[in-house]
């Protein structure tokens, strides 16, 4: 995978001690929906302080079910990011495992696709009516794997934590929705040069599938050097802003469902990031905490039953060699401005994330 969707260190550590995690628990909401909690005990992190990424998984009950809401369970100071993934089988059948390496999430990464990402004290995400993330069915993928990315100084907060676990509450629906939910990730690979200010990295890809999709939500992500992230839909040369903002703010999933944004064959989705790297070392794009990222996560709806490939797509370009100016005209002047009339501003996110 060339898109660095998750923050992963490449160090390999020794054996993990066997501390029991908090078991997943189900709460019935009505005849059609129930909540399932997938959590990891903070005791696991405490006893394995060298682990950056820890995974745990749960097998879903029925042949096919549909996730319709994601809610984070976290303690300020302990969790940096949480992400949820679908697997045909988890990488390990233990209660938890080291998933510092990206290919240690699922036993067969060919069956893997990400379904949600949470970070920086972000909001819950409730899907629009008659949409859902499909689990199981004709494509397999009956396991949900939770990946917990701890913070650097997590140990300072564990003893006083009021929440003993980190994880997600998933609302699962039994009845089939009309539309499935997929995810497209716009981003970069390569490296960020040393000693640069106001440096931009770009990406874009056309929608080549015959079936149109409807955008549901987006979120913006970069690491420590990122100053602005923006995403656009380009239709017949016209730029339509999906969203832009400061990646240091809470990583909200902002809904665009009410805007009726459809992506048709030939339309282009594009992303841009603004960076400042005053240091004397180049920084590569990658999974490690000290690497950089430029990701726009786009969640979208498509009719139920289409090919599995609609469920997840990556779009990546070389950070040093790919530039919008070589391909497009009428580039928005505010594509590198995180302020102004943005979803972040309307949500009152005027501060760096305190989580």
Protein backbone atom coordinates (compact mmCIF):
# COMPACT_ATOMS: atom_id res chain seq x y z
CA UNK A 1 0.00 0.00 0.00
CA UNK A 2 1.45 3.36 -0.95
CA UNK A 3 -1.03 5.50 0.97
CA UNK A 4 -0.04 5.84 4.57
CA UNK A 5 -3.46 5.68 6.07
CA UNK A 6 -2.31 4.78 9.57
CA UNK A 7 0.45 5.96 11.81
CA UNK A 8 2.79 3.03 12.31
CA UNK A 9 6.30 2.75 13.66
CA UNK A 10 8.58 0.22 12.01
CA UNK A 11 10.37 -0.93 15.15
CA UNK A 12 9.80 -4.56 16.09
CA UNK A 13 9.56 -5.37 19.77
CA UNK A 14 9.71 -8.54 21.75
CA UNK A 15 6.93 -10.71 23.05
CA UNK A 16 3.85 -9.06 24.53
CA UNK A 17 2.82 -10.00 28.02
CA UNK A 18 -0.61 -11.64 28.25
CA UNK A 19 -2.82 -9.12 30.03
CA UNK A 20 -6.53 -9.71 29.49
CA UNK A 21 -8.29 -6.98 27.54
CA UNK A 22 -11.75 -5.68 28.28
CA UNK A 23 -14.04 -8.06 26.41
CA UNK A 24 -16.40 -6.73 23.74
CA UNK A 25 -19.90 -6.27 25.09
CA UNK A 26 -23.24 -5.99 23.30
CA UNK A 27 -26.15 -3.74 24.23
CA UNK A 28 -29.46 -4.20 22.47
CA UNK A 29 -31.05 -0.97 21.26
CA UNK A 30 -34.15 -2.41 19.53
CA UNK A 31 -35.06 -5.40 17.39
CA UNK A 32 -32.96 -4.09 14.50
CA UNK A 33 -29.92 -2.47 16.14
CA UNK A 34 -27.44 -3.15 18.92
CA UNK A 35 -24.21 -1.59 20.19
CA UNK A 36 -20.95 -3.47 20.44
CA UNK A 37 -17.95 -2.14 22.37
CA UNK A 38 -14.51 -3.12 21.06
CA UNK A 39 -11.95 -2.02 23.63
CA UNK A 40 -8.37 -2.42 24.78
CA UNK A 41 -7.45 -2.20 28.45
CA UNK A 42 -4.99 0.55 29.34
CA UNK A 43 -3.24 -2.08 31.42
CA UNK A 44 -2.03 -3.61 28.13
CA UNK A 45 -0.36 -0.32 27.20
CA UNK A 46 1.10 0.07 30.69
CA UNK A 47 2.69 -3.39 30.65
CA UNK A 48 3.98 -2.98 27.08
CA UNK A 49 5.31 0.59 27.00
CA UNK A 50 7.32 0.11 23.80
CA UNK A 51 4.29 -0.67 21.69
CA UNK A 52 3.00 2.15 19.50
CA UNK A 53 0.14 0.25 17.90
CA UNK A 54 -1.94 -2.48 19.49
CA UNK A 55 -4.83 -4.32 17.85
CA UNK A 56 -7.75 -6.36 19.09
CA UNK A 57 -10.57 -7.94 17.12
CA UNK A 58 -14.06 -9.35 17.35
CA UNK A 59 -16.07 -11.62 15.05
CA UNK A 60 -19.51 -10.33 14.13
CA UNK A 61 -22.61 -12.39 14.96
CA UNK A 62 -24.48 -12.85 11.70
CA UNK A 63 -23.70 -13.73 8.09
CA UNK A 64 -24.05 -10.06 7.13
CA UNK A 65 -24.51 -6.94 9.25
CA UNK A 66 -24.18 -3.18 8.82
CA UNK A 67 -22.41 -0.59 10.95
CA UNK A 68 -24.37 2.66 11.13
CA UNK A 69 -22.50 4.64 13.83
CA UNK A 70 -18.99 4.99 15.30
CA UNK A 71 -18.31 6.44 18.75
CA UNK A 72 -14.86 6.67 20.34
CA UNK A 73 -14.08 5.51 23.87
CA UNK A 74 -10.94 7.27 25.02
CA UNK A 75 -9.11 9.00 27.82
CA UNK A 76 -7.44 12.34 27.26
CA UNK A 77 -3.67 11.98 27.13
CA UNK A 78 -3.57 8.26 26.34
CA UNK A 79 -4.91 7.72 22.83
CA UNK A 80 -3.57 9.50 19.75
CA UNK A 81 -5.68 7.75 17.11
CA UNK A 82 -8.15 4.91 16.80
CA UNK A 83 -9.03 3.13 13.58
CA UNK A 84 -11.44 0.33 12.66
CA UNK A 85 -10.78 -2.24 9.93
CA UNK A 86 -12.58 -5.15 8.29
CA UNK A 87 -10.65 -8.41 7.97
CA UNK A 88 -11.38 -11.88 6.68
CA UNK A 89 -9.42 -13.00 9.73
CA UNK A 90 -7.34 -11.01 12.24
CA UNK A 91 -3.57 -11.25 12.18
CA UNK A 92 -3.62 -12.97 15.58
CA UNK A 93 -6.24 -15.03 17.40
CA UNK A 94 -5.00 -13.73 20.75
CA UNK A 95 -6.88 -11.16 22.84
CA UNK A 96 -4.56 -8.45 21.47
CA UNK A 97 -1.39 -8.19 19.42
CA UNK A 98 1.35 -5.88 18.21
CA UNK A 99 0.17 -4.31 14.93
CA UNK A 100 2.97 -1.79 14.67
CA UNK A 101 3.56 -3.09 11.16
CA UNK A 102 0.74 -2.32 8.75
CA UNK A 103 0.50 -5.88 7.46
CA UNK A 104 -0.08 -7.16 11.00
CA UNK A 105 -3.69 -5.97 11.10
CA UNK A 106 -5.25 -8.83 9.12
CA UNK A 107 -4.02 -12.36 8.49
CA UNK A 108 -4.59 -11.74 4.78
CA UNK A 109 -4.25 -8.07 3.89
CA UNK A 110 -6.02 -8.82 0.63
CA UNK A 111 -9.23 -9.00 2.66
CA UNK A 112 -8.47 -5.77 4.54
CA UNK A 113 -10.20 -2.46 4.19
CA UNK A 114 -10.40 0.47 6.64
CA UNK A 115 -13.83 1.73 7.66
CA UNK A 116 -13.25 4.56 10.15
CA UNK A 117 -10.53 6.68 11.70
CA UNK A 118 -10.74 8.85 14.81
CA UNK A 119 -8.20 11.30 16.17
CA UNK A 120 -7.52 14.35 18.31
CA UNK A 121 -10.72 14.25 20.36
CA UNK A 122 -12.98 14.14 17.30
CA UNK A 123 -16.74 13.78 17.17
CA UNK A 124 -18.89 10.68 16.90
CA UNK A 125 -19.92 9.68 13.40
CA UNK A 126 -23.52 8.66 12.76
CA UNK A 127 -24.13 7.60 9.18
CA UNK A 128 -26.98 9.10 7.15
CA UNK A 129 -30.27 7.18 6.91
CA UNK A 130 -30.36 4.04 4.79
CA UNK A 131 -26.54 3.75 4.61
CA UNK A 132 -24.18 1.33 6.34
CA UNK A 133 -20.75 -0.27 6.29
CA UNK A 134 -21.22 -3.90 5.25
CA UNK A 135 -19.64 -6.61 7.36
CA UNK A 136 -19.64 -10.21 6.13
CA UNK A 137 -21.79 -11.30 3.22
CA UNK A 138 -20.53 -12.58 -0.11
CA UNK A 139 -17.13 -10.90 0.29
CA UNK A 140 -16.32 -12.32 3.73
CA UNK A 141 -14.73 -9.89 6.16
CA UNK A 142 -16.64 -10.86 9.32
CA UNK A 143 -14.02 -9.53 11.74
CA UNK A 144 -13.71 -5.97 13.02
CA UNK A 145 -10.17 -5.10 14.11
CA UNK A 146 -9.56 -2.08 16.32
CA UNK A 147 -6.15 -0.42 16.11
CA UNK A 148 -5.10 1.74 19.09
CA UNK A 149 -2.29 4.25 18.57
CA UNK A 150 -1.08 5.49 21.93
CA UNK A 151 0.41 8.90 22.65
CA UNK A 152 4.09 9.47 23.45
CA UNK A 153 3.50 10.46 27.08
CA UNK A 154 0.57 8.13 27.76
CA UNK A 155 2.15 6.79 30.98
CA UNK A 156 1.66 10.18 32.65
CA UNK A 157 -2.11 9.83 32.37
CA UNK A 158 -2.86 6.16 33.02
CA UNK A 159 -2.79 6.25 36.82
CA UNK A 160 -5.34 9.08 37.00
CA UNK A 161 -7.49 7.91 34.09
CA UNK A 162 -11.22 7.73 34.73
CA UNK A 163 -11.76 5.55 31.66
CA UNK A 164 -9.90 2.20 31.93
CA UNK A 165 -10.08 1.30 28.25
CA UNK A 166 -9.75 2.77 24.77
CA UNK A 167 -11.85 1.68 21.84
CA UNK A 168 -15.02 2.21 19.86
CA UNK A 169 -18.71 1.67 20.29
CA UNK A 170 -20.20 0.50 17.01
CA UNK A 171 -23.94 0.60 16.36
CA UNK A 172 -24.77 -2.45 14.26
CA UNK A 173 -27.94 -2.87 12.21
CA UNK A 174 -29.41 -6.17 11.09
CA UNK A 175 -31.65 -4.92 8.28
CA UNK A 176 -29.95 -4.18 4.97
CA UNK A 177 -29.65 -0.52 3.95
CA UNK A 178 -30.10 0.66 0.40
CA UNK A 179 -26.55 2.03 0.20
CA UNK A 180 -23.14 0.75 1.24
CA UNK A 181 -20.47 3.08 2.61
CA UNK A 182 -16.92 3.11 1.25
CA UNK A 183 -13.79 5.14 1.82
CA UNK A 184 -11.34 6.84 -0.53
CA UNK A 185 -8.02 8.19 0.77
CA UNK A 186 -6.22 11.01 -1.03
CA UNK A 187 -2.59 11.41 -0.05
CA UNK A 188 1.11 11.46 -0.84
CA UNK A 189 4.20 9.30 -0.79
CA UNK A 190 7.85 10.30 -1.16
CA UNK A 191 9.46 12.92 1.03
CA UNK A 192 9.30 16.51 2.27
CA UNK A 193 12.49 18.50 1.56
CA UNK A 194 14.52 20.04 4.36
CA UNK A 195 14.52 23.77 5.05
CA UNK A 196 11.23 24.66 3.36
CA UNK A 197 8.41 27.03 4.30
CA UNK A 198 4.95 27.15 2.70
CA UNK A 199 5.69 23.96 0.77
CA UNK A 200 2.72 22.28 -0.90
CA UNK A 201 2.14 18.64 -1.76
CA UNK A 202 -0.68 17.66 -4.12
CA UNK A 203 -2.67 14.65 -5.20
CA UNK A 204 -5.56 13.97 -7.56
CA UNK A 205 -7.32 11.05 -9.23
CA UNK A 206 -10.24 10.78 -11.64
CA UNK A 207 -13.32 8.74 -10.83
CA UNK A 208 -13.22 6.03 -13.49
CA UNK A 209 -16.00 3.73 -12.29
CA UNK A 210 -19.33 3.62 -14.14
CA UNK A 211 -21.36 3.96 -10.94
CA UNK A 212 -21.59 7.46 -9.41
CA UNK A 213 -21.01 7.83 -5.69
CA UNK A 214 -22.40 10.34 -3.20
CA UNK A 215 -20.01 11.92 -0.70
CA UNK A 216 -21.10 11.50 2.92
CA UNK A 217 -18.29 12.93 5.06
CA UNK A 218 -14.63 13.88 5.08
CA UNK A 219 -11.80 14.29 7.58
CA UNK A 220 -8.36 15.90 7.31
CA UNK A 221 -5.08 14.49 8.56
CA UNK A 222 -1.41 15.46 8.71
CA UNK A 223 1.40 15.14 11.23
CA UNK A 224 3.42 17.76 13.11
CA UNK A 225 4.63 19.76 10.10
CA UNK A 226 1.24 20.15 8.42
CA UNK A 227 -0.36 23.61 8.46
CA UNK A 228 -3.35 23.16 6.14
CA UNK A 229 -5.14 20.29 4.40
CA UNK A 230 -7.74 20.81 1.69
CA UNK A 231 -9.87 18.58 -0.54
CA UNK A 232 -11.78 19.35 -3.74
CA UNK A 233 -14.12 17.85 -6.30
CA UNK A 234 -13.41 19.04 -9.87
CA UNK A 235 -16.29 18.87 -12.36
CA UNK A 236 -15.69 20.04 -15.93
CA UNK A 237 -12.85 22.27 -14.73
CA UNK A 238 -14.90 23.78 -11.88
CA UNK A 239 -13.41 23.43 -8.40
CA UNK A 240 -15.87 22.57 -5.61
CA UNK A 241 -14.43 22.69 -2.12
CA UNK A 242 -15.16 19.57 -0.08
CA UNK A 243 -13.32 20.85 2.98
CA UNK A 244 -10.15 22.46 4.27
CA UNK A 245 -8.70 23.26 7.65
CA UNK A 246 -5.96 23.01 10.23
CA UNK A 247 -4.84 19.38 10.77
CA UNK A 248 -3.86 20.19 14.38
CA UNK A 249 -7.54 20.68 15.29
CA UNK A 250 -9.82 17.77 16.29
CA UNK A 251 -10.07 15.37 13.37
CA UNK A 252 -13.82 15.70 12.84
CA UNK A 253 -15.72 13.69 10.26
CA UNK A 254 -17.61 16.58 8.72
CA UNK A 255 -20.86 15.64 7.01
CA UNK A 256 -21.34 16.70 3.38
CA UNK A 257 -24.41 14.50 2.88
CA UNK A 258 -26.81 17.50 2.86
CA UNK A 259 -24.79 19.12 0.04
CA UNK A 260 -25.73 16.39 -2.48
CA UNK A 261 -22.17 16.05 -3.78
CA UNK A 262 -22.15 13.33 -6.43
CA UNK A 263 -18.97 12.07 -8.08
CA UNK A 264 -19.55 10.92 -11.65
CA UNK A 265 -17.31 9.19 -14.17
CA UNK A 266 -14.60 11.65 -15.24
CA UNK A 267 -14.87 13.87 -12.17
CA UNK A 268 -11.62 14.44 -10.28
CA UNK A 269 -10.96 14.38 -6.53
CA UNK A 270 -7.93 16.36 -5.40
CA UNK A 271 -6.06 17.14 -2.17
CA UNK A 272 -3.38 19.62 -1.11
CA UNK A 273 -1.30 20.02 2.04
CA UNK A 274 0.77 22.97 3.23
CA UNK A 275 3.93 22.27 5.23
CA UNK A 276 6.70 24.00 7.12
CA UNK A 277 9.90 22.02 7.58
CA UNK A 278 12.56 24.42 8.88
CA UNK A 279 14.84 21.57 9.95
CA UNK A 280 17.95 20.40 8.13
CA UNK A 281 16.61 16.88 7.45
CA UNK A 282 14.12 15.75 4.86
CA UNK A 283 11.05 13.97 6.19
CA UNK A 284 9.56 11.01 4.38
CA UNK A 285 5.87 10.26 4.08
CA UNK A 286 5.09 7.04 5.87
CA UNK A 287 3.62 5.13 8.79
CA UNK A 288 6.10 6.20 11.47
CA UNK A 289 5.23 8.82 14.05
CA UNK A 290 8.16 10.98 12.91
CA UNK A 291 7.11 10.70 9.26
CA UNK A 292 4.62 12.99 7.58
CA UNK A 293 1.17 12.39 6.16
CA UNK A 294 -1.20 14.32 3.91
CA UNK A 295 -4.54 12.56 3.92
CA UNK A 296 -8.06 13.55 3.01
CA UNK A 297 -10.43 10.75 3.99
CA UNK A 298 -13.60 10.70 1.89
CA UNK A 299 -16.53 8.53 2.95
CA UNK A 300 -19.13 7.90 0.27
CA UNK A 301 -22.30 5.93 -0.49
CA UNK A 302 -22.98 3.59 -3.42
CA UNK A 303 -25.82 1.15 -4.18
CA UNK A 304 -25.73 -2.06 -2.20
CA UNK A 305 -24.33 -5.11 -3.97
CA UNK A 306 -21.72 -3.55 -6.24
CA UNK A 307 -18.26 -5.04 -6.63
CA UNK A 308 -16.13 -5.19 -3.47
CA UNK A 309 -13.61 -2.80 -5.02
CA UNK A 310 -16.03 0.07 -4.40
CA UNK A 311 -15.51 -0.30 -0.66
CA UNK A 312 -12.01 1.16 -0.43
CA UNK A 313 -9.76 3.09 -2.79
CA UNK A 314 -6.41 4.86 -2.50
CA UNK A 315 -5.21 7.83 -4.53
CA UNK A 316 -1.56 8.83 -4.02
CA UNK A 317 0.97 11.00 -5.82
CA UNK A 318 4.68 11.71 -5.32
CA UNK A 319 5.02 14.66 -2.94
CA UNK A 320 8.00 16.16 -4.80
CA UNK A 321 7.11 15.65 -8.44
CA UNK A 322 3.32 15.94 -8.69
CA UNK A 323 1.93 19.48 -8.74
CA UNK A 324 -1.57 20.74 -9.46
CA UNK A 325 -0.14 23.57 -11.55
CA UNK A 326 1.05 21.05 -14.15
CA UNK A 327 -2.44 19.65 -14.64
CA UNK A 328 -5.13 22.17 -13.72
CA UNK A 329 -6.23 25.75 -14.15
CA UNK A 330 -8.17 28.08 -11.83
CA UNK A 331 -6.69 26.56 -8.66
CA UNK A 332 -8.48 28.04 -5.62
CA UNK A 333 -6.41 30.80 -4.04
CA UNK A 334 -7.42 29.73 -0.53
CA UNK A 335 -6.40 26.07 -0.95
CA UNK A 336 -3.52 26.67 1.48
CA UNK A 337 -5.54 28.70 4.00
CA UNK A 338 -6.92 26.78 6.98
CA UNK A 339 -9.07 29.71 8.12
CA UNK A 340 -12.10 31.52 6.74
CA UNK A 341 -15.49 30.02 5.93
CA UNK A 342 -14.71 26.41 6.81
CA UNK A 343 -16.47 23.57 8.58
CA UNK A 344 -13.88 23.83 11.34
CA UNK A 345 -14.78 27.48 11.90
CA UNK A 346 -18.51 26.75 11.91
CA UNK A 347 -17.92 23.99 14.45
CA UNK A 348 -15.99 26.38 16.69
CA UNK A 349 -12.66 24.57 16.32
CA UNK A 350 -10.46 27.63 16.72
CA UNK A 351 -7.80 26.05 18.89
CA UNK A 352 -5.21 23.32 18.66
CA UNK A 353 -6.69 20.02 19.76
CA UNK A 354 -6.54 19.51 23.53
CA UNK A 355 -7.14 15.81 23.91
